Amino acid sequence: MELATDVYRLTESFPSHERYGLSQQLRRAAISIASNIAEGAARQTKKEFIQFLYIALGSSVELETQFELAKMLGYCDDSKLESVYDKQIRISKMLLGLIRSLKRSKI
């Protein structure tokens, strides 16, 4: 949720012509991460939870690609982008760790 909030704040400074383009894509990907974790946690089986965690991980990697594009286009300050980018990387690592842990567990 914190990452999604940060992405919303970051994209507020994007050019107005990007309101329905890259900025919207970034926001959707960030929201998708938290939403898929929540939905997966509410599922009945570990297998379903893991499936939703993989979807969240995919959205996180998508977000990373979109950050690179925003940087290349000069849409945001590098220091602001770096902070949000670092958070996204940490979340990807946590998701991978959780997936591995769930796959190893017997429960």
PDB file of N, CA and C in Angstrom:
ATOM      1  N   MET A   1       0.827  -1.186   0.000  1.00  0.00           N
ATOM      2  CA  MET A   1       0.000   0.000   0.000  1.00  0.00           C
ATOM      3  C   MET A   1       0.883   1.266   0.000  1.00  0.00           C
ATOM      4  N   GLU A   2       1.958   1.199   0.747  1.00  0.00           N
ATOM      5  CA  GLU A   2       2.864   2.342   0.802  1.00  0.00           C
ATOM      6  C   GLU A   2       3.493   2.610  -0.568  1.00  0.00           C
ATOM      7  N   LEU A   3       3.857   1.548  -1.258  1.00  0.00           N
ATOM      8  CA  LEU A   3       4.427   1.700  -2.599  1.00  0.00           C
ATOM      9  C   LEU A   3       3.409   2.336  -3.548  1.00  0.00           C
ATOM     10  N   ALA A   4       2.169   1.893  -3.482  1.00  0.00           N
ATOM     11  CA  ALA A   4       1.129   2.465  -4.346  1.00  0.00           C
ATOM     12  C   ALA A   4       0.942   3.953  -4.054  1.00  0.00           C
ATOM     13  N   THR A   5       0.954   4.305  -2.780  1.00  0.00           N
ATOM     14  CA  THR A   5       0.829   5.714  -2.394  1.00  0.00           C
ATOM     15  C   THR A   5       2.003   6.520  -2.947  1.00  0.00           C
ATOM     16  N   ASP A   6       3.203   5.971  -2.821  1.00  0.00           N
ATOM     17  CA  ASP A   6       4.389   6.652  -3.345  1.00  0.00           C
ATOM     18  C   ASP A   6       4.316   6.827  -4.859  1.00  0.00           C
ATOM     19  N   VAL A   7       3.821   5.804  -5.552  1.00  0.00           N
ATOM     20  CA  VAL A   7       3.691   5.891  -7.019  1.00  0.00           C
ATOM     21  C   VAL A   7       2.679   6.973  -7.392  1.00  0.00           C
ATOM     22  N   TYR A   8       1.571   7.045  -6.668  1.00  0.00           N
ATOM     23  CA  TYR A   8       0.587   8.095  -6.939  1.00  0.00           C
ATOM     24  C   TYR A   8       1.231   9.472  -6.782  1.00  0.00           C
ATOM     25  N   ARG A   9       1.976   9.648  -5.709  1.00  0.00           N
ATOM     26  CA  ARG A   9       2.626  10.947  -5.473  1.00  0.00           C
ATOM     27  C   ARG A   9       3.666  11.245  -6.553  1.00  0.00           C
ATOM     28  N   LEU A  10       4.423  10.230  -6.938  1.00  0.00           N
ATOM     29  CA  LEU A  10       5.442  10.408  -7.964  1.00  0.00           C
ATOM     30  C   LEU A  10       4.819  10.829  -9.293  1.00  0.00           C
ATOM     31  N   THR A  11       3.726  10.191  -9.675  1.00  0.00           N
ATOM     32  CA  THR A  11       3.129  10.458 -10.987  1.00  0.00           C
ATOM     33  C   THR A  11       2.341  11.766 -11.033  1.00  0.00           C
ATOM     34  N   GLU A  12       2.084  12.364  -9.888  1.00  0.00           N
ATOM     35  CA  GLU A  12       1.399  13.668  -9.882  1.00  0.00           C
ATOM     36  C   GLU A  12       2.211  14.722 -10.623  1.00  0.00           C
ATOM     37  N   SER A  13       3.526  14.554 -10.645  1.00  0.00           N
ATOM     38  CA  SER A  13       4.393  15.542 -11.300  1.00  0.00           C
ATOM     39  C   SER A  13       4.651  15.232 -12.773  1.00  0.00           C
ATOM     40  N   PHE A  14       4.089  14.145 -13.280  1.00  0.00           N
ATOM     41  CA  PHE A  14       4.270  13.797 -14.690  1.00  0.00           C
ATOM     42  C   PHE A  14       3.553  14.828 -15.565  1.00  0.00           C
ATOM     43  N   PRO A  15       3.979  14.960 -16.811  1.00  0.00           N
ATOM     44  CA  PRO A  15       3.299  15.897 -17.725  1.00  0.00           C
ATOM     45  C   PRO A  15       1.813  15.547 -17.864  1.00  0.00           C
ATOM     46  N   SER A  16       1.003  16.552 -18.057  1.00  0.00           N
ATOM     47  CA  SER A  16      -0.449  16.337 -18.138  1.00  0.00           C
ATOM     48  C   SER A  16      -0.827  15.422 -19.303  1.00  0.00           C
ATOM     49  N   HIS A  17      -0.046  15.427 -20.380  1.00  0.00           N
ATOM     50  CA  HIS A  17      -0.382  14.552 -21.504  1.00  0.00           C
ATOM     51  C   HIS A  17      -0.163  13.072 -21.166  1.00  0.00           C
ATOM     52  N   GLU A  18       0.486  12.783 -20.040  1.00  0.00           N
ATOM     53  CA  GLU A  18       0.698  11.404 -19.614  1.00  0.00           C
ATOM     54  C   GLU A  18      -0.347  10.935 -18.600  1.00  0.00           C
ATOM     55  N   ARG A  19      -1.334  11.755 -18.344  1.00  0.00           N
ATOM     56  CA  ARG A  19      -2.351  11.433 -17.343  1.00  0.00           C
ATOM     57  C   ARG A  19      -2.997  10.067 -17.600  1.00  0.00           C
ATOM     58  N   TYR A  20      -3.224   9.733 -18.860  1.00  0.00           N
ATOM     59  CA  TYR A  20      -3.885   8.465 -19.195  1.00  0.00           C
ATOM     60  C   TYR A  20      -2.930   7.485 -19.862  1.00  0.00           C
ATOM     61  N   GLY A  21      -1.651   7.793 -19.808  1.00  0.00           N
ATOM     62  CA  GLY A  21      -0.650   6.926 -20.416  1.00  0.00           C
ATOM     63  C   GLY A  21       0.188   6.238 -19.361  1.00  0.00           C
ATOM     64  N   LEU A  22       1.459   6.571 -19.338  1.00  0.00           N
ATOM     65  CA  LEU A  22       2.408   5.918 -18.448  1.00  0.00           C
ATOM     66  C   LEU A  22       2.036   6.096 -16.979  1.00  0.00           C
ATOM     67  N   SER A  23       1.576   7.261 -16.627  1.00  0.00           N
ATOM     68  CA  SER A  23       1.218   7.501 -15.229  1.00  0.00           C
ATOM     69  C   SER A  23       0.109   6.548 -14.770  1.00  0.00           C
ATOM     70  N   GLN A  24      -0.872   6.323 -15.608  1.00  0.00           N
ATOM     71  CA  GLN A  24      -1.969   5.390 -15.288  1.00  0.00           C
ATOM     72  C   GLN A  24      -1.451   3.950 -15.203  1.00  0.00           C
ATOM     73  N   GLN A  25      -0.548   3.581 -16.095  1.00  0.00           N
ATOM     74  CA  GLN A  25       0.032   2.239 -16.072  1.00  0.00           C
ATOM     75  C   GLN A  25       0.825   1.994 -14.787  1.00  0.00           C
ATOM     76  N   LEU A  26       1.606   2.980 -14.378  1.00  0.00           N
ATOM     77  CA  LEU A  26       2.369   2.875 -13.133  1.00  0.00           C
ATOM     78  C   LEU A  26       1.431   2.688 -11.940  1.00  0.00           C
ATOM     79  N   ARG A  27       0.391   3.476 -11.909  1.00  0.00           N
ATOM     80  CA  ARG A  27      -0.561   3.391 -10.794  1.00  0.00           C
ATOM     81  C   ARG A  27      -1.257   2.036 -10.760  1.00  0.00           C
ATOM     82  N   ARG A  28      -1.669   1.557 -11.895  1.00  0.00           N
ATOM     83  CA  ARG A  28      -2.362   0.257 -11.947  1.00  0.00           C
ATOM     84  C   ARG A  28      -1.447  -0.880 -11.505  1.00  0.00           C
ATOM     85  N   ALA A  29      -0.201  -0.851 -11.951  1.00  0.00           N
ATOM     86  CA  ALA A  29       0.744  -1.905 -11.563  1.00  0.00           C
ATOM     87  C   ALA A  29       0.998  -1.872 -10.060  1.00  0.00           C
ATOM     88  N   ALA A  30       1.160  -0.680  -9.500  1.00  0.00           N
ATOM     89  CA  ALA A  30       1.416  -0.555  -8.059  1.00  0.00           C
ATOM     90  C   ALA A  30       0.222  -1.036  -7.242  1.00  0.00           C
ATOM     91  N   ILE A  31      -0.977  -0.685  -7.670  1.00  0.00           N
ATOM     92  CA  ILE A  31      -2.186  -1.132  -6.970  1.00  0.00           C
ATOM     93  C   ILE A  31      -2.332  -2.645  -7.096  1.00  0.00           C
ATOM     94  N   SER A  32      -1.967  -3.183  -8.227  1.00  0.00           N
ATOM     95  CA  SER A  32      -2.091  -4.617  -8.485  1.00  0.00           C
ATOM     96  C   SER A  32      -1.245  -5.443  -7.516  1.00  0.00           C
ATOM     97  N   ILE A  33      -0.090  -4.928  -7.129  1.00  0.00           N
ATOM     98  CA  ILE A  33       0.773  -5.666  -6.203  1.00  0.00           C
ATOM     99  C   ILE A  33       0.039  -5.913  -4.893  1.00  0.00           C
ATOM    100  N   ALA A  34      -0.406  -4.860  -4.261  1.00  0.00           N
ATOM    101  CA  ALA A  34      -1.094  -4.990  -2.970  1.00  0.00           C
ATOM    102  C   ALA A  34      -2.403  -5.761  -3.108  1.00  0.00           C
ATOM    103  N   SER A  35      -3.132  -5.512  -4.170  1.00  0.00           N
ATOM    104  CA  SER A  35      -4.431  -6.170  -4.362  1.00  0.00           C
ATOM    105  C   SER A  35      -4.289  -7.674  -4.535  1.00  0.00           C
ATOM    106  N   ASN A  36      -3.283  -8.105  -5.296  1.00  0.00           N
ATOM    107  CA  ASN A  36      -3.089  -9.543  -5.508  1.00  0.00           C
ATOM    108  C   ASN A  36      -2.582 -10.251  -4.256  1.00  0.00           C
ATOM    109  N   ILE A  37      -1.770  -9.578  -3.466  1.00  0.00           N
ATOM    110  CA  ILE A  37      -1.341 -10.164  -2.191  1.00  0.00           C
ATOM    111  C   ILE A  37      -2.561 -10.363  -1.297  1.00  0.00           C
ATOM    112  N   ALA A  38      -3.405  -9.343  -1.210  1.00  0.00           N
ATOM    113  CA  ALA A  38      -4.598  -9.432  -0.368  1.00  0.00           C
ATOM    114  C   ALA A  38      -5.554 -10.513  -0.861  1.00  0.00           C
ATOM    115  N   GLU A  39      -5.794 -10.536  -2.152  1.00  0.00           N
ATOM    116  CA  GLU A  39      -6.715 -11.534  -2.692  1.00  0.00           C
ATOM    117  C   GLU A  39      -6.176 -12.948  -2.503  1.00  0.00           C
ATOM    118  N   GLY A  40      -4.883 -13.120  -2.737  1.00  0.00           N
ATOM    119  CA  GLY A  40      -4.279 -14.433  -2.559  1.00  0.00           C
ATOM    120  C   GLY A  40      -4.347 -14.910  -1.116  1.00  0.00           C
ATOM    121  N   ALA A  41      -4.137 -14.004  -0.180  1.00  0.00           N
ATOM    122  CA  ALA A  41      -4.186 -14.365   1.239  1.00  0.00           C
ATOM    123  C   ALA A  41      -5.577 -14.829   1.651  1.00  0.00           C
ATOM    124  N   ALA A  42      -6.584 -14.366   0.944  1.00  0.00           N
ATOM    125  CA  ALA A  42      -7.964 -14.744   1.273  1.00  0.00           C
ATOM    126  C   ALA A  42      -8.397 -16.053   0.611  1.00  0.00           C
ATOM    127  N   ARG A  43      -7.568 -16.618  -0.234  1.00  0.00           N
ATOM    128  CA  ARG A  43      -7.912 -17.856  -0.929  1.00  0.00           C
ATOM    129  C   ARG A  43      -7.830 -19.053   0.017  1.00  0.00           C
ATOM    130  N   GLN A  44      -8.415 -20.139  -0.419  1.00  0.00           N
ATOM    131  CA  GLN A  44      -8.543 -21.321   0.421  1.00  0.00           C
ATOM    132  C   GLN A  44      -7.284 -22.175   0.500  1.00  0.00           C
ATOM    133  N   THR A  45      -6.465 -22.141  -0.530  1.00  0.00           N
ATOM    134  CA  THR A  45      -5.319 -23.042  -0.543  1.00  0.00           C
ATOM    135  C   THR A  45      -4.009 -22.279  -0.698  1.00  0.00           C
ATOM    136  N   LYS A  46      -2.946 -22.930  -0.255  1.00  0.00           N
ATOM    137  CA  LYS A  46      -1.608 -22.367  -0.394  1.00  0.00           C
ATOM    138  C   LYS A  46      -1.258 -22.203  -1.876  1.00  0.00           C
ATOM    139  N   LYS A  47      -1.656 -23.166  -2.688  1.00  0.00           N
ATOM    140  CA  LYS A  47      -1.365 -23.116  -4.127  1.00  0.00           C
ATOM    141  C   LYS A  47      -1.976 -21.855  -4.754  1.00  0.00           C
ATOM    142  N   GLU A  48      -3.221 -21.543  -4.384  1.00  0.00           N
ATOM    143  CA  GLU A  48      -3.857 -20.329  -4.913  1.00  0.00           C
ATOM    144  C   GLU A  48      -3.136 -19.083  -4.419  1.00  0.00           C
ATOM    145  N   PHE A  49      -2.749 -19.069  -3.144  1.00  0.00           N
ATOM    146  CA  PHE A  49      -2.032 -17.922  -2.590  1.00  0.00           C
ATOM    147  C   PHE A  49      -0.743 -17.695  -3.370  1.00  0.00           C
ATOM    148  N   ILE A  50       0.002 -18.764  -3.615  1.00  0.00           N
ATOM    149  CA  ILE A  50       1.256 -18.652  -4.360  1.00  0.00           C
ATOM    150  C   ILE A  50       0.998 -18.113  -5.763  1.00  0.00           C
ATOM    151  N   GLN A  51      -0.065 -18.569  -6.393  1.00  0.00           N
ATOM    152  CA  GLN A  51      -0.405 -18.084  -7.736  1.00  0.00           C
ATOM    153  C   GLN A  51      -0.605 -16.565  -7.725  1.00  0.00           C
ATOM    154  N   PHE A  52      -1.318 -16.053  -6.731  1.00  0.00           N
ATOM    155  CA  PHE A  52      -1.544 -14.614  -6.645  1.00  0.00           C
ATOM    156  C   PHE A  52      -0.264 -13.860  -6.291  1.00  0.00           C
ATOM    157  N   LEU A  53       0.614 -14.486  -5.513  1.00  0.00           N
ATOM    158  CA  LEU A  53       1.903 -13.859  -5.214  1.00  0.00           C
ATOM    159  C   LEU A  53       2.737 -13.727  -6.484  1.00  0.00           C
ATOM    160  N   TYR A  54       2.667 -14.714  -7.363  1.00  0.00           N
ATOM    161  CA  TYR A  54       3.374 -14.617  -8.651  1.00  0.00           C
ATOM    162  C   TYR A  54       2.792 -13.493  -9.510  1.00  0.00           C
ATOM    163  N   ILE A  55       1.497 -13.318  -9.464  1.00  0.00           N
ATOM    164  CA  ILE A  55       0.882 -12.216 -10.210  1.00  0.00           C
ATOM    165  C   ILE A  55       1.366 -10.884  -9.648  1.00  0.00           C
ATOM    166  N   ALA A  56       1.418 -10.783  -8.306  1.00  0.00           N
ATOM    167  CA  ALA A  56       1.924  -9.562  -7.661  1.00  0.00           C
ATOM    168  C   ALA A  56       3.378  -9.314  -8.056  1.00  0.00           C
ATOM    169  N   LEU A  57       4.172 -10.377  -8.106  1.00  0.00           N
ATOM    170  CA  LEU A  57       5.564 -10.251  -8.511  1.00  0.00           C
ATOM    171  C   LEU A  57       5.663  -9.756  -9.962  1.00  0.00           C
ATOM    172  N   GLY A  58       4.813 -10.269 -10.814  1.00  0.00           N
ATOM    173  CA  GLY A  58       4.787  -9.806 -12.207  1.00  0.00           C
ATOM    174  C   GLY A  58       4.465  -8.325 -12.301  1.00  0.00           C
ATOM    175  N   SER A  59       3.525  -7.877 -11.489  1.00  0.00           N
ATOM    176  CA  SER A  59       3.180  -6.445 -11.474  1.00  0.00           C
ATOM    177  C   SER A  59       4.342  -5.616 -10.962  1.00  0.00           C
ATOM    178  N   SER A  60       5.087  -6.153 -10.006  1.00  0.00           N
ATOM    179  CA  SER A  60       6.245  -5.443  -9.478  1.00  0.00           C
ATOM    180  C   SER A  60       7.326  -5.277 -10.546  1.00  0.00           C
ATOM    181  N   VAL A  61       7.561  -6.319 -11.300  1.00  0.00           N
ATOM    182  CA  VAL A  61       8.562  -6.248 -12.372  1.00  0.00           C
ATOM    183  C   VAL A  61       8.079  -5.313 -13.479  1.00  0.00           C
ATOM    184  N   GLU A  62       6.788  -5.338 -13.755  1.00  0.00           N
ATOM    185  CA  GLU A  62       6.206  -4.408 -14.728  1.00  0.00           C
ATOM    186  C   GLU A  62       6.453  -2.967 -14.277  1.00  0.00           C
ATOM    187  N   LEU A  63       6.258  -2.720 -12.990  1.00  0.00           N
ATOM    188  CA  LEU A  63       6.481  -1.396 -12.422  1.00  0.00           C
ATOM    189  C   LEU A  63       7.934  -0.964 -12.605  1.00  0.00           C
ATOM    190  N   GLU A  64       8.848  -1.890 -12.398  1.00  0.00           N
ATOM    191  CA  GLU A  64      10.272  -1.603 -12.567  1.00  0.00           C
ATOM    192  C   GLU A  64      10.566  -1.143 -13.997  1.00  0.00           C
ATOM    193  N   THR A  65       9.999  -1.819 -14.968  1.00  0.00           N
ATOM    194  CA  THR A  65      10.179  -1.456 -16.373  1.00  0.00           C
ATOM    195  C   THR A  65       9.619  -0.059 -16.646  1.00  0.00           C
ATOM    196  N   GLN A  66       8.468   0.217 -16.079  1.00  0.00           N
ATOM    197  CA  GLN A  66       7.837   1.520 -16.280  1.00  0.00           C
ATOM    198  C   GLN A  66       8.630   2.637 -15.607  1.00  0.00           C
ATOM    199  N   PHE A  67       9.258   2.352 -14.467  1.00  0.00           N
ATOM    200  CA  PHE A  67      10.145   3.339 -13.832  1.00  0.00           C
ATOM    201  C   PHE A  67      11.289   3.699 -14.759  1.00  0.00           C
ATOM    202  N   GLU A  68      11.858   2.689 -15.392  1.00  0.00           N
ATOM    203  CA  GLU A  68      12.962   2.928 -16.327  1.00  0.00           C
ATOM    204  C   GLU A  68      12.522   3.835 -17.471  1.00  0.00           C
ATOM    205  N   LEU A  69      11.330   3.583 -17.998  1.00  0.00           N
ATOM    206  CA  LEU A  69      10.817   4.412 -19.086  1.00  0.00           C
ATOM    207  C   LEU A  69      10.597   5.848 -18.616  1.00  0.00           C
ATOM    208  N   ALA A  70      10.001   6.013 -17.441  1.00  0.00           N
ATOM    209  CA  ALA A  70       9.775   7.357 -16.891  1.00  0.00           C
ATOM    210  C   ALA A  70      11.099   8.095 -16.724  1.00  0.00           C
ATOM    211  N   LYS A  71      12.118   7.371 -16.283  1.00  0.00           N
ATOM    212  CA  LYS A  71      13.447   7.975 -16.118  1.00  0.00           C
ATOM    213  C   LYS A  71      14.012   8.387 -17.470  1.00  0.00           C
ATOM    214  N   MET A  72      13.908   7.502 -18.465  1.00  0.00           N
ATOM    215  CA  MET A  72      14.434   7.798 -19.802  1.00  0.00           C
ATOM    216  C   MET A  72      13.738   9.005 -20.420  1.00  0.00           C
ATOM    217  N   LEU A  73      12.456   9.167 -20.120  1.00  0.00           N
ATOM    218  CA  LEU A  73      11.686  10.280 -20.666  1.00  0.00           C
ATOM    219  C   LEU A  73      11.850  11.565 -19.851  1.00  0.00           C
ATOM    220  N   GLY A  74      12.525  11.467 -18.713  1.00  0.00           N
ATOM    221  CA  GLY A  74      12.758  12.640 -17.876  1.00  0.00           C
ATOM    222  C   GLY A  74      11.503  13.144 -17.176  1.00  0.00           C
ATOM    223  N   TYR A  75      10.600  12.242 -16.847  1.00  0.00           N
ATOM    224  CA  TYR A  75       9.326  12.638 -16.243  1.00  0.00           C
ATOM    225  C   TYR A  75       9.390  12.915 -14.748  1.00  0.00           C
ATOM    226  N   CYS A  76      10.468  12.515 -14.105  1.00  0.00           N
ATOM    227  CA  CYS A  76      10.526  12.745 -12.666  1.00  0.00           C
ATOM    228  C   CYS A  76      11.965  12.905 -12.204  1.00  0.00           C
ATOM    229  N   ASP A  77      12.090  13.489 -11.051  1.00  0.00           N
ATOM    230  CA  ASP A  77      13.374  13.713 -10.418  1.00  0.00           C
ATOM    231  C   ASP A  77      14.012  12.368 -10.056  1.00  0.00           C
ATOM    232  N   ASP A  78      15.286  12.204 -10.382  1.00  0.00           N
ATOM    233  CA  ASP A  78      15.971  10.928 -10.138  1.00  0.00           C
ATOM    234  C   ASP A  78      15.950  10.514  -8.673  1.00  0.00           C
ATOM    235  N   SER A  79      16.086  11.474  -7.759  1.00  0.00           N
ATOM    236  CA  SER A  79      16.114  11.112  -6.334  1.00  0.00           C
ATOM    237  C   SER A  79      14.756  10.597  -5.867  1.00  0.00           C
ATOM    238  N   LYS A  80      13.672  11.181  -6.354  1.00  0.00           N
ATOM    239  CA  LYS A  80      12.336  10.697  -6.001  1.00  0.00           C
ATOM    240  C   LYS A  80      12.097   9.312  -6.597  1.00  0.00           C
ATOM    241  N   LEU A  81      12.499   9.147  -7.829  1.00  0.00           N
ATOM    242  CA  LEU A  81      12.325   7.860  -8.498  1.00  0.00           C
ATOM    243  C   LEU A  81      13.151   6.777  -7.816  1.00  0.00           C
ATOM    244  N   GLU A  82      14.365   7.101  -7.427  1.00  0.00           N
ATOM    245  CA  GLU A  82      15.246   6.115  -6.793  1.00  0.00           C
ATOM    246  C   GLU A  82      14.648   5.582  -5.493  1.00  0.00           C
ATOM    247  N   SER A  83      14.053   6.448  -4.714  1.00  0.00           N
ATOM    248  CA  SER A  83      13.437   6.037  -3.453  1.00  0.00           C
ATOM    249  C   SER A  83      12.298   5.045  -3.684  1.00  0.00           C
ATOM    250  N   VAL A  84      11.434   5.341  -4.650  1.00  0.00           N
ATOM    251  CA  VAL A  84      10.304   4.466  -4.950  1.00  0.00           C
ATOM    252  C   VAL A  84      10.806   3.181  -5.612  1.00  0.00           C
ATOM    253  N   TYR A  85      11.793   3.302  -6.465  1.00  0.00           N
ATOM    254  CA  TYR A  85      12.387   2.143  -7.132  1.00  0.00           C
ATOM    255  C   TYR A  85      12.991   1.180  -6.102  1.00  0.00           C
ATOM    256  N   ASP A  86      13.701   1.722  -5.117  1.00  0.00           N
ATOM    257  CA  ASP A  86      14.295   0.886  -4.066  1.00  0.00           C
ATOM    258  C   ASP A  86      13.219   0.128  -3.292  1.00  0.00           C
ATOM    259  N   LYS A  87      12.123   0.787  -3.039  1.00  0.00           N
ATOM    260  CA  LYS A  87      11.013   0.145  -2.329  1.00  0.00           C
ATOM    261  C   LYS A  87      10.434  -0.999  -3.175  1.00  0.00           C
ATOM    262  N   GLN A  88      10.308  -0.759  -4.453  1.00  0.00           N
ATOM    263  CA  GLN A  88       9.781  -1.793  -5.361  1.00  0.00           C
ATOM    264  C   GLN A  88      10.709  -3.006  -5.392  1.00  0.00           C
ATOM    265  N   ILE A  89      12.007  -2.784  -5.411  1.00  0.00           N
ATOM    266  CA  ILE A  89      12.980  -3.881  -5.415  1.00  0.00           C
ATOM    267  C   ILE A  89      12.863  -4.689  -4.123  1.00  0.00           C
ATOM    268  N   ARG A  90      12.738  -4.011  -2.991  1.00  0.00           N
ATOM    269  CA  ARG A  90      12.586  -4.718  -1.710  1.00  0.00           C
ATOM    270  C   ARG A  90      11.321  -5.560  -1.696  1.00  0.00           C
ATOM    271  N   ILE A  91      10.254  -5.030  -2.246  1.00  0.00           N
ATOM    272  CA  ILE A  91       8.990  -5.774  -2.287  1.00  0.00           C
ATOM    273  C   ILE A  91       9.134  -7.007  -3.171  1.00  0.00           C
ATOM    274  N   SER A  92       9.787  -6.876  -4.305  1.00  0.00           N
ATOM    275  CA  SER A  92      10.013  -8.043  -5.177  1.00  0.00           C
ATOM    276  C   SER A  92      10.787  -9.128  -4.440  1.00  0.00           C
ATOM    277  N   LYS A  93      11.821  -8.729  -3.715  1.00  0.00           N
ATOM    278  CA  LYS A  93      12.610  -9.691  -2.957  1.00  0.00           C
ATOM    279  C   LYS A  93      11.774 -10.352  -1.858  1.00  0.00           C
ATOM    280  N   MET A  94      10.941  -9.575  -1.188  1.00  0.00           N
ATOM    281  CA  MET A  94      10.082 -10.147  -0.145  1.00  0.00           C
ATOM    282  C   MET A  94       9.076 -11.123  -0.742  1.00  0.00           C
ATOM    283  N   LEU A  95       8.526 -10.773  -1.888  1.00  0.00           N
ATOM    284  CA  LEU A  95       7.586 -11.680  -2.544  1.00  0.00           C
ATOM    285  C   LEU A  95       8.259 -12.993  -2.919  1.00  0.00           C
ATOM    286  N   LEU A  96       9.447 -12.907  -3.488  1.00  0.00           N
ATOM    287  CA  LEU A  96      10.188 -14.126  -3.834  1.00  0.00           C
ATOM    288  C   LEU A  96      10.479 -14.969  -2.597  1.00  0.00           C
ATOM    289  N   GLY A  97      10.863 -14.324  -1.512  1.00  0.00           N
ATOM    290  CA  GLY A  97      11.132 -15.033  -0.271  1.00  0.00           C
ATOM    291  C   GLY A  97       9.887 -15.712   0.272  1.00  0.00           C
ATOM    292  N   LEU A  98       8.759 -15.020   0.230  1.00  0.00           N
ATOM    293  CA  LEU A  98       7.500 -15.598   0.707  1.00  0.00           C
ATOM    294  C   LEU A  98       7.076 -16.775  -0.159  1.00  0.00           C
ATOM    295  N   ILE A  99       7.219 -16.641  -1.459  1.00  0.00           N
ATOM    296  CA  ILE A  99       6.879 -17.737  -2.374  1.00  0.00           C
ATOM    297  C   ILE A  99       7.737 -18.959  -2.071  1.00  0.00           C
ATOM    298  N   ARG A 100       9.026 -18.752  -1.934  1.00  0.00           N
ATOM    299  CA  ARG A 100       9.930 -19.873  -1.625  1.00  0.00           C
ATOM    300  C   ARG A 100       9.562 -20.534  -0.293  1.00  0.00           C
ATOM    301  N   SER A 101       9.291 -19.716   0.689  1.00  0.00           N
ATOM    302  CA  SER A 101       8.928 -20.237   2.016  1.00  0.00           C
ATOM    303  C   SER A 101       7.644 -21.047   1.971  1.00  0.00           C
ATOM    304  N   LEU A 102       6.650 -20.538   1.257  1.00  0.00           N
ATOM    305  CA  LEU A 102       5.382 -21.257   1.146  1.00  0.00           C
ATOM    306  C   LEU A 102       5.546 -22.567   0.386  1.00  0.00           C
ATOM    307  N   LYS A 103       6.384 -22.550  -0.638  1.00  0.00           N
ATOM    308  CA  LYS A 103       6.613 -23.781  -1.407  1.00  0.00           C
ATOM    309  C   LYS A 103       7.302 -24.870  -0.577  1.00  0.00           C
ATOM    310  N   ARG A 104       8.166 -24.438   0.356  1.00  0.00           N
ATOM    311  CA  ARG A 104       8.882 -25.388   1.214  1.00  0.00           C
ATOM    312  C   ARG A 104       8.042 -25.901   2.372  1.00  0.00           C
ATOM    313  N   SER A 105       7.061 -25.115   2.797  1.00  0.00           N
ATOM    314  CA  SER A 105       6.300 -25.484   3.994  1.00  0.00           C
ATOM    315  C   SER A 105       5.364 -26.653   3.706  1.00  0.00           C
ATOM    316  N   LYS A 106       5.111 -27.421   4.718  1.00  0.00           N
ATOM    317  CA  LYS A 106       4.260 -28.599   4.596  1.00  0.00           C
ATOM    318  C   LYS A 106       2.787 -28.264   4.827  1.00  0.00           C
ATOM    319  N   ILE A 107       2.523 -27.110   5.365  1.00  0.00           N
ATOM    320  CA  ILE A 107       1.145 -26.743   5.721  1.00  0.00           C
ATOM    321  C   ILE A 107       0.391 -26.214   4.528  1.00  0.00           C
TER     322      ILE A 107
END
